[in-house]
Amino acid sequence: MWKKLLILAGVVSAAALVVKKAKSASDERALWHEATAAPDLR
């Protein structure tokens, strides 16, 4: 019983870490795109 809960907690923690890393990478990409995009001179 405890072994299953421990494994489940590990899987949930790993999934949360992956989601956090993916969001961080996406935010970083968006920031670089904004910083390096040509200025809008309209």
Protein backbone atom coordinates (compact mmCIF):
# COMPACT_ATOMS: atom_id res chain seq x y z
CA MET A 1 0.00 0.00 0.00
CA TRP A 2 2.65 2.54 1.05
CA LYS A 3 4.88 1.50 -1.81
CA LYS A 4 2.13 2.33 -4.33
CA LEU A 5 1.52 5.74 -2.74
CA LEU A 6 5.25 6.50 -2.75
CA ILE A 7 5.54 5.54 -6.42
CA LEU A 8 2.47 7.64 -7.25
CA ALA A 9 3.93 10.63 -5.40
CA GLY A 10 7.18 10.23 -7.32
CA VAL A 11 5.39 10.10 -10.66
CA VAL A 12 3.30 13.17 -9.82
CA SER A 13 6.40 15.07 -8.69
CA ALA A 14 8.26 14.16 -11.87
CA ALA A 15 5.32 15.24 -14.03
CA ALA A 16 5.07 18.56 -12.18
CA LEU A 17 8.80 19.14 -12.70
CA VAL A 18 8.50 18.42 -16.44
CA VAL A 19 5.55 20.82 -16.78
CA LYS A 20 7.43 23.52 -14.87
CA LYS A 21 10.53 23.10 -17.09
CA ALA A 22 8.42 23.21 -20.27
CA LYS A 23 6.65 26.40 -19.15
CA SER A 24 9.96 27.99 -18.21
CA ALA A 25 11.43 27.14 -21.62
CA SER A 26 8.36 28.53 -23.36
CA ASP A 27 8.53 31.76 -21.37
CA GLU A 28 12.24 32.08 -22.15
CA ARG A 29 11.59 31.59 -25.88
CA ALA A 30 8.84 34.22 -25.83
CA LEU A 31 11.10 36.68 -24.04
CA TRP A 32 13.93 36.17 -26.55
CA HIS A 33 11.51 36.55 -29.43
CA GLU A 34 10.25 39.83 -28.00
CA ALA A 35 13.78 41.08 -27.31
CA THR A 36 15.12 40.23 -30.77
CA ALA A 37 12.10 41.10 -32.91
CA ALA A 38 12.33 44.11 -35.17
CA PRO A 39 10.73 47.19 -33.59
CA ASP A 40 7.30 48.16 -34.82
CA LEU A 41 7.80 51.69 -36.20
CA ARG A 42 4.26 52.41 -37.32
